[in-house]
């Protein structure tokens, strides 16, 4: 969940994802998304 925060903001850097299952087999993708942040 991406929530608004008074101390941090999204940083201008690459994000990445980790796939936790095979969506081709399960019919859905279960992922963890990592988004870089920095202090305001």
PDB file of N, CA and C in Angstrom:
ATOM      1  N   UNK A   1       0.852  -1.173   0.000  1.00  0.00           N
ATOM      2  CA  UNK A   1       0.000   0.000   0.000  1.00  0.00           C
ATOM      3  C   UNK A   1       0.895   1.232   0.000  1.00  0.00           C
ATOM      4  N   UNK A   2       0.656   2.114  -0.919  1.00  0.00           N
ATOM      5  CA  UNK A   2       1.408   3.367  -0.994  1.00  0.00           C
ATOM      6  C   UNK A   2       0.617   4.430  -0.251  1.00  0.00           C
ATOM      7  N   UNK A   3       1.182   4.940   0.814  1.00  0.00           N
ATOM      8  CA  UNK A   3       0.492   5.916   1.647  1.00  0.00           C
ATOM      9  C   UNK A   3       1.232   7.244   1.635  1.00  0.00           C
ATOM     10  N   UNK A   4       0.476   8.321   1.766  1.00  0.00           N
ATOM     11  CA  UNK A   4       1.086   9.640   1.849  1.00  0.00           C
ATOM     12  C   UNK A   4       1.786   9.786   3.195  1.00  0.00           C
ATOM     13  N   UNK A   5       2.947  10.411   3.171  1.00  0.00           N
ATOM     14  CA  UNK A   5       3.740  10.572   4.387  1.00  0.00           C
ATOM     15  C   UNK A   5       4.314  11.980   4.396  1.00  0.00           C
ATOM     16  N   UNK A   6       4.358  12.607   5.561  1.00  0.00           N
ATOM     17  CA  UNK A   6       4.872  13.973   5.642  1.00  0.00           C
ATOM     18  C   UNK A   6       6.395  14.024   5.658  1.00  0.00           C
ATOM     19  N   UNK A   7       7.068  12.901   5.913  1.00  0.00           N
ATOM     20  CA  UNK A   7       8.526  12.892   6.013  1.00  0.00           C
ATOM     21  C   UNK A   7       9.214  12.347   4.766  1.00  0.00           C
ATOM     22  N   UNK A   8       8.506  11.562   3.948  1.00  0.00           N
ATOM     23  CA  UNK A   8       9.123  10.905   2.791  1.00  0.00           C
ATOM     24  C   UNK A   8       8.345  11.188   1.518  1.00  0.00           C
ATOM     25  N   UNK A   9       9.049  11.096   0.391  1.00  0.00           N
ATOM     26  CA  UNK A   9       8.428  11.215  -0.923  1.00  0.00           C
ATOM     27  C   UNK A   9       9.072  10.202  -1.848  1.00  0.00           C
ATOM     28  N   UNK A  10       8.408   9.915  -2.958  1.00  0.00           N
ATOM     29  CA  UNK A  10       8.949   8.969  -3.935  1.00  0.00           C
ATOM     30  C   UNK A  10      10.216   9.560  -4.542  1.00  0.00           C
ATOM     31  N   UNK A  11      11.269   8.766  -4.619  1.00  0.00           N
ATOM     32  CA  UNK A  11      12.554   9.210  -5.156  1.00  0.00           C
ATOM     33  C   UNK A  11      12.630   8.933  -6.655  1.00  0.00           C
ATOM     34  N   UNK A  12      13.471   9.675  -7.322  1.00  0.00           N
ATOM     35  CA  UNK A  12      13.689   9.496  -8.753  1.00  0.00           C
ATOM     36  C   UNK A  12      14.766   8.435  -8.963  1.00  0.00           C
ATOM     37  N   UNK A  13      14.379   7.189  -8.779  1.00  0.00           N
ATOM     38  CA  UNK A  13      15.281   6.046  -8.914  1.00  0.00           C
ATOM     39  C   UNK A  13      14.450   4.856  -9.381  1.00  0.00           C
ATOM     40  N   UNK A  14      15.086   3.839  -9.916  1.00  0.00           N
ATOM     41  CA  UNK A  14      14.328   2.683 -10.409  1.00  0.00           C
ATOM     42  C   UNK A  14      13.615   1.927  -9.284  1.00  0.00           C
ATOM     43  N   UNK A  15      12.443   1.417  -9.600  1.00  0.00           N
ATOM     44  CA  UNK A  15      11.761   0.511  -8.679  1.00  0.00           C
ATOM     45  C   UNK A  15      11.932  -0.905  -9.231  1.00  0.00           C
ATOM     46  N   UNK A  16      11.605  -1.900  -8.424  1.00  0.00           N
ATOM     47  CA  UNK A  16      11.678  -3.271  -8.916  1.00  0.00           C
ATOM     48  C   UNK A  16      10.612  -4.109  -8.242  1.00  0.00           C
ATOM     49  N   UNK A  17      10.332  -5.264  -8.817  1.00  0.00           N
ATOM     50  CA  UNK A  17       9.291  -6.160  -8.334  1.00  0.00           C
ATOM     51  C   UNK A  17       9.866  -7.541  -8.105  1.00  0.00           C
ATOM     52  N   UNK A  18       9.294  -8.237  -7.143  1.00  0.00           N
ATOM     53  CA  UNK A  18       9.611  -9.636  -6.896  1.00  0.00           C
ATOM     54  C   UNK A  18       8.337 -10.427  -7.154  1.00  0.00           C
ATOM     55  N   UNK A  19       8.408 -11.393  -8.051  1.00  0.00           N
ATOM     56  CA  UNK A  19       7.244 -12.227  -8.367  1.00  0.00           C
ATOM     57  C   UNK A  19       7.213 -13.409  -7.412  1.00  0.00           C
ATOM     58  N   UNK A  20       6.092 -13.578  -6.711  1.00  0.00           N
ATOM     59  CA  UNK A  20       5.974 -14.597  -5.680  1.00  0.00           C
ATOM     60  C   UNK A  20       5.306 -15.873  -6.178  1.00  0.00           C
ATOM     61  N   UNK A  21       4.793 -15.840  -7.392  1.00  0.00           N
ATOM     62  CA  UNK A  21       4.154 -17.027  -7.955  1.00  0.00           C
ATOM     63  C   UNK A  21       4.286 -16.984  -9.477  1.00  0.00           C
ATOM     64  N   UNK A  22       3.808 -18.021 -10.136  1.00  0.00           N
ATOM     65  CA  UNK A  22       3.798 -18.080 -11.593  1.00  0.00           C
ATOM     66  C   UNK A  22       2.384 -17.757 -12.062  1.00  0.00           C
ATOM     67  N   UNK A  23       2.182 -16.528 -12.516  1.00  0.00           N
ATOM     68  CA  UNK A  23       0.866 -16.088 -12.958  1.00  0.00           C
ATOM     69  C   UNK A  23       0.331 -16.859 -14.147  1.00  0.00           C
ATOM     70  N   UNK A  24       1.211 -17.439 -14.940  1.00  0.00           N
ATOM     71  CA  UNK A  24       0.759 -18.243 -16.081  1.00  0.00           C
ATOM     72  C   UNK A  24       0.075 -19.523 -15.595  1.00  0.00           C
ATOM     73  N   UNK A  25       0.472 -20.023 -14.447  1.00  0.00           N
ATOM     74  CA  UNK A  25      -0.151 -21.225 -13.878  1.00  0.00           C
ATOM     75  C   UNK A  25      -1.343 -20.883 -12.988  1.00  0.00           C
ATOM     76  N   UNK A  26      -1.204 -19.838 -12.169  1.00  0.00           N
ATOM     77  CA  UNK A  26      -2.218 -19.515 -11.168  1.00  0.00           C
ATOM     78  C   UNK A  26      -3.357 -18.649 -11.704  1.00  0.00           C
ATOM     79  N   UNK A  27      -3.116 -17.924 -12.791  1.00  0.00           N
ATOM     80  CA  UNK A  27      -4.136 -17.039 -13.338  1.00  0.00           C
ATOM     81  C   UNK A  27      -4.106 -15.638 -12.734  1.00  0.00           C
ATOM     82  N   UNK A  28      -3.174 -15.385 -11.845  1.00  0.00           N
ATOM     83  CA  UNK A  28      -2.991 -14.057 -11.259  1.00  0.00           C
ATOM     84  C   UNK A  28      -1.519 -13.899 -10.889  1.00  0.00           C
ATOM     85  N   UNK A  29      -1.086 -12.652 -10.761  1.00  0.00           N
ATOM     86  CA  UNK A  29       0.295 -12.373 -10.364  1.00  0.00           C
ATOM     87  C   UNK A  29       0.299 -11.861  -8.936  1.00  0.00           C
ATOM     88  N   UNK A  30       1.069 -12.474  -8.072  1.00  0.00           N
ATOM     89  CA  UNK A  30       1.260 -12.032  -6.693  1.00  0.00           C
ATOM     90  C   UNK A  30       2.668 -11.456  -6.620  1.00  0.00           C
ATOM     91  N   UNK A  31       2.779 -10.135  -6.413  1.00  0.00           N
ATOM     92  CA  UNK A  31       4.089  -9.483  -6.453  1.00  0.00           C
ATOM     93  C   UNK A  31       4.326  -8.631  -5.210  1.00  0.00           C
ATOM     94  N   UNK A  32       5.586  -8.343  -4.966  1.00  0.00           N
ATOM     95  CA  UNK A  32       6.002  -7.313  -4.018  1.00  0.00           C
ATOM     96  C   UNK A  32       6.675  -6.235  -4.855  1.00  0.00           C
ATOM     97  N   UNK A  33       6.231  -4.988  -4.715  1.00  0.00           N
ATOM     98  CA  UNK A  33       6.817  -3.885  -5.469  1.00  0.00           C
ATOM     99  C   UNK A  33       7.608  -3.000  -4.509  1.00  0.00           C
ATOM    100  N   UNK A  34       8.840  -2.737  -4.866  1.00  0.00           N
ATOM    101  CA  UNK A  34       9.734  -1.905  -4.063  1.00  0.00           C
ATOM    102  C   UNK A  34       9.896  -0.557  -4.757  1.00  0.00           C
ATOM    103  N   UNK A  35       9.503   0.501  -4.066  1.00  0.00           N
ATOM    104  CA  UNK A  35       9.531   1.852  -4.615  1.00  0.00           C
ATOM    105  C   UNK A  35      10.497   2.688  -3.773  1.00  0.00           C
ATOM    106  N   UNK A  36      11.506   3.301  -4.399  1.00  0.00           N
ATOM    107  CA  UNK A  36      12.479   4.084  -3.630  1.00  0.00           C
ATOM    108  C   UNK A  36      11.849   5.365  -3.075  1.00  0.00           C
ATOM    109  N   UNK A  37      12.221   5.701  -1.868  1.00  0.00           N
ATOM    110  CA  UNK A  37      11.746   6.930  -1.233  1.00  0.00           C
ATOM    111  C   UNK A  37      12.941   7.723  -0.710  1.00  0.00           C
ATOM    112  N   UNK A  38      12.693   8.993  -0.445  1.00  0.00           N
ATOM    113  CA  UNK A  38      13.713   9.859   0.137  1.00  0.00           C
ATOM    114  C   UNK A  38      13.032  10.816   1.102  1.00  0.00           C
ATOM    115  N   UNK A  39      13.809  11.349   2.031  1.00  0.00           N
ATOM    116  CA  UNK A  39      13.258  12.349   2.960  1.00  0.00           C
ATOM    117  C   UNK A  39      12.910  13.615   2.190  1.00  0.00           C
ATOM    118  N   UNK A  40      11.864  14.285   2.623  1.00  0.00           N
ATOM    119  CA  UNK A  40      11.456  15.551   1.984  1.00  0.00           C
ATOM    120  C   UNK A  40      12.386  16.670   2.390  1.00  0.00           C
TER     121      UNK A  40
END
